[in-house]
């Protein structure tokens, strides 16, 4: 099953990793570790709450203007 991983740099270092299809979230000190931890967390989630794959996700970015304080 092909799922999506979103990695965001963490303030304290490393990365927060999120799988939007299941809501699984974890972290790691580097990208490979964060993905490995996310894979494990998602597999554990899917053991309890199986899902059907809805196809490949489309991931993009968008920009917003920063508010002026």
N, C-alpha and C. Protein backbone atom coordinates (compact mmCIF):
# COMPACT_ATOMS: atom_id res chain seq x y z
N UNK A 1 0.86 -1.17 0.00
CA UNK A 1 0.00 0.00 0.00
C UNK A 1 0.90 1.23 0.00
N UNK A 2 0.66 2.13 -0.91
CA UNK A 2 1.45 3.35 -1.02
C UNK A 2 0.73 4.46 -0.24
N UNK A 3 1.39 5.01 0.77
CA UNK A 3 0.82 6.07 1.59
C UNK A 3 1.71 7.30 1.53
N UNK A 4 1.23 8.40 2.08
CA UNK A 4 1.91 9.69 2.01
C UNK A 4 2.65 9.97 3.32
N UNK A 5 3.84 10.52 3.22
CA UNK A 5 4.59 10.99 4.39
C UNK A 5 4.86 12.48 4.21
N UNK A 6 4.49 13.26 5.21
CA UNK A 6 4.77 14.69 5.23
C UNK A 6 5.77 14.92 6.35
N UNK A 7 6.93 15.49 6.02
CA UNK A 7 7.96 15.75 7.03
C UNK A 7 8.13 17.25 7.20
N UNK A 8 8.13 17.66 8.46
CA UNK A 8 8.25 19.08 8.80
C UNK A 8 9.41 19.22 9.78
N UNK A 9 10.35 20.14 9.53
CA UNK A 9 11.43 20.34 10.49
C UNK A 9 10.86 20.72 11.86
N UNK A 10 11.36 20.07 12.91
CA UNK A 10 10.91 20.34 14.28
C UNK A 10 11.75 21.47 14.88
N UNK A 11 11.12 22.28 15.72
CA UNK A 11 11.83 23.40 16.35
C UNK A 11 13.04 22.93 17.15
N UNK A 12 12.91 21.77 17.82
CA UNK A 12 14.00 21.27 18.66
C UNK A 12 15.02 20.45 17.88
N UNK A 13 14.85 20.38 16.56
CA UNK A 13 15.74 19.60 15.71
C UNK A 13 15.04 18.33 15.25
N UNK A 14 15.54 17.74 14.21
CA UNK A 14 14.91 16.56 13.65
C UNK A 14 13.68 16.91 12.85
N UNK A 15 12.79 15.93 12.70
CA UNK A 15 11.61 16.09 11.86
C UNK A 15 10.39 15.48 12.51
N UNK A 16 9.26 16.14 12.32
CA UNK A 16 7.96 15.56 12.64
C UNK A 16 7.47 14.92 11.36
N UNK A 17 6.96 13.69 11.45
CA UNK A 17 6.48 12.96 10.28
C UNK A 17 5.00 12.67 10.46
N UNK A 18 4.21 12.93 9.43
CA UNK A 18 2.76 12.77 9.47
C UNK A 18 2.29 11.97 8.27
N UNK A 19 1.38 11.04 8.52
CA UNK A 19 0.69 10.33 7.43
C UNK A 19 -0.74 10.83 7.41
N UNK A 20 -1.13 11.65 6.41
CA UNK A 20 -2.47 12.23 6.39
C UNK A 20 -3.60 11.22 6.19
N UNK A 21 -3.33 10.10 5.56
CA UNK A 21 -4.39 9.11 5.34
C UNK A 21 -4.89 8.49 6.65
N UNK A 22 -3.99 8.33 7.62
CA UNK A 22 -4.37 7.69 8.88
C UNK A 22 -4.30 8.65 10.07
N UNK A 23 -3.59 9.75 9.92
CA UNK A 23 -3.38 10.66 11.04
C UNK A 23 -2.20 10.26 11.91
N UNK A 24 -1.48 9.22 11.53
CA UNK A 24 -0.30 8.79 12.30
C UNK A 24 0.74 9.90 12.29
N UNK A 25 1.30 10.16 13.46
CA UNK A 25 2.32 11.20 13.59
C UNK A 25 3.42 10.69 14.50
N UNK A 26 4.66 11.00 14.14
CA UNK A 26 5.81 10.61 14.95
C UNK A 26 6.95 11.58 14.65
N UNK A 27 8.14 11.26 15.08
CA UNK A 27 9.28 12.12 14.80
C UNK A 27 10.55 11.30 14.70
N UNK A 28 11.62 11.94 14.23
CA UNK A 28 12.92 11.31 14.13
C UNK A 28 14.00 12.36 14.04
N UNK A 29 15.22 11.97 14.34
CA UNK A 29 16.35 12.91 14.31
C UNK A 29 16.76 13.28 12.90
N UNK A 30 16.45 12.42 11.93
CA UNK A 30 16.77 12.69 10.53
C UNK A 30 15.65 12.12 9.66
N UNK A 31 15.70 12.36 8.36
CA UNK A 31 14.63 11.93 7.46
C UNK A 31 14.45 10.41 7.46
N UNK A 32 15.51 9.62 7.29
CA UNK A 32 15.31 8.16 7.29
C UNK A 32 14.70 7.65 8.60
N UNK A 33 15.14 8.18 9.72
CA UNK A 33 14.60 7.75 11.01
C UNK A 33 13.13 8.16 11.16
N UNK A 34 12.81 9.37 10.74
CA UNK A 34 11.42 9.84 10.83
C UNK A 34 10.50 8.98 9.97
N UNK A 35 10.94 8.62 8.77
CA UNK A 35 10.13 7.78 7.88
C UNK A 35 10.00 6.37 8.46
N UNK A 36 11.08 5.82 8.99
CA UNK A 36 11.02 4.48 9.60
C UNK A 36 10.05 4.48 10.78
N UNK A 37 10.10 5.52 11.61
CA UNK A 37 9.19 5.61 12.75
C UNK A 37 7.75 5.78 12.28
N UNK A 38 7.55 6.55 11.22
CA UNK A 38 6.21 6.73 10.68
C UNK A 38 5.67 5.43 10.09
N UNK A 39 6.52 4.69 9.41
CA UNK A 39 6.11 3.40 8.86
C UNK A 39 5.63 2.48 9.98
N UNK A 40 6.41 2.41 11.06
CA UNK A 40 6.05 1.55 12.19
C UNK A 40 4.73 2.01 12.83
N UNK A 41 4.60 3.30 13.08
CA UNK A 41 3.37 3.83 13.71
C UNK A 41 2.16 3.58 12.81
N UNK A 42 2.32 3.75 11.51
CA UNK A 42 1.21 3.56 10.58
C UNK A 42 0.83 2.09 10.48
N UNK A 43 1.82 1.20 10.45
CA UNK A 43 1.52 -0.23 10.42
C UNK A 43 0.74 -0.66 11.66
N UNK A 44 1.13 -0.15 12.82
CA UNK A 44 0.41 -0.46 14.05
C UNK A 44 -1.02 0.08 14.00
N UNK A 45 -1.18 1.28 13.48
CA UNK A 45 -2.52 1.86 13.33
C UNK A 45 -3.38 0.99 12.41
N UNK A 46 -2.82 0.57 11.28
CA UNK A 46 -3.58 -0.19 10.29
C UNK A 46 -3.95 -1.59 10.79
N UNK A 47 -3.20 -2.12 11.75
CA UNK A 47 -3.58 -3.40 12.35
C UNK A 47 -4.93 -3.28 13.05
N UNK A 48 -5.18 -2.15 13.67
CA UNK A 48 -6.43 -1.92 14.40
C UNK A 48 -7.52 -1.32 13.52
N UNK A 49 -7.14 -0.47 12.58
CA UNK A 49 -8.10 0.27 11.76
C UNK A 49 -7.71 0.17 10.29
N UNK A 50 -7.98 -0.97 9.65
CA UNK A 50 -7.61 -1.12 8.24
C UNK A 50 -8.35 -0.11 7.36
N UNK A 51 -7.68 0.33 6.32
CA UNK A 51 -8.29 1.25 5.35
C UNK A 51 -8.11 0.69 3.96
N UNK A 52 -8.96 1.12 3.05
CA UNK A 52 -8.80 0.81 1.64
C UNK A 52 -8.05 1.96 0.99
N UNK A 53 -7.10 1.65 0.17
CA UNK A 53 -6.37 2.70 -0.53
C UNK A 53 -7.30 3.42 -1.49
N UNK A 54 -7.27 4.75 -1.42
CA UNK A 54 -8.13 5.57 -2.29
C UNK A 54 -7.37 6.10 -3.49
N UNK A 55 -6.20 5.59 -3.75
CA UNK A 55 -5.39 6.08 -4.86
C UNK A 55 -4.25 6.95 -4.35
N UNK A 56 -3.41 7.37 -5.25
CA UNK A 56 -2.24 8.14 -4.89
C UNK A 56 -2.62 9.58 -4.56
N UNK A 57 -2.06 10.09 -3.47
CA UNK A 57 -2.35 11.45 -3.04
C UNK A 57 -1.67 12.47 -3.95
N UNK A 58 -2.27 13.61 -4.07
CA UNK A 58 -1.67 14.75 -4.76
C UNK A 58 -1.23 15.72 -3.68
N UNK A 59 0.05 15.96 -3.60
CA UNK A 59 0.60 16.84 -2.58
C UNK A 59 1.19 18.06 -3.27
N UNK A 60 0.84 19.23 -2.79
CA UNK A 60 1.35 20.47 -3.36
C UNK A 60 1.59 21.47 -2.23
N UNK A 61 2.03 22.63 -2.57
CA UNK A 61 2.24 23.69 -1.59
C UNK A 61 1.47 24.93 -2.04
N UNK A 62 1.25 25.83 -1.11
CA UNK A 62 0.65 27.11 -1.45
C UNK A 62 1.21 28.16 -0.52
N UNK A 63 1.13 29.40 -0.93
CA UNK A 63 1.74 30.50 -0.18
C UNK A 63 0.65 31.42 0.34
N UNK A 64 0.85 31.90 1.56
CA UNK A 64 -0.03 32.91 2.14
C UNK A 64 0.83 34.10 2.54
N UNK A 65 0.24 35.27 2.56
CA UNK A 65 1.00 36.43 2.98
C UNK A 65 1.12 36.45 4.50
N UNK A 66 2.27 36.84 4.98
CA UNK A 66 2.50 36.90 6.42
C UNK A 66 1.81 38.15 6.96
N UNK A 67 1.17 37.99 8.11
CA UNK A 67 0.53 39.18 8.72
C UNK A 67 1.59 40.09 9.31
N UNK A 68 1.32 41.35 9.28
CA UNK A 68 2.28 42.31 9.82
C UNK A 68 1.86 42.68 11.23
N UNK A 69 2.76 42.47 12.16
CA UNK A 69 2.45 42.76 13.57
C UNK A 69 2.88 44.15 13.96
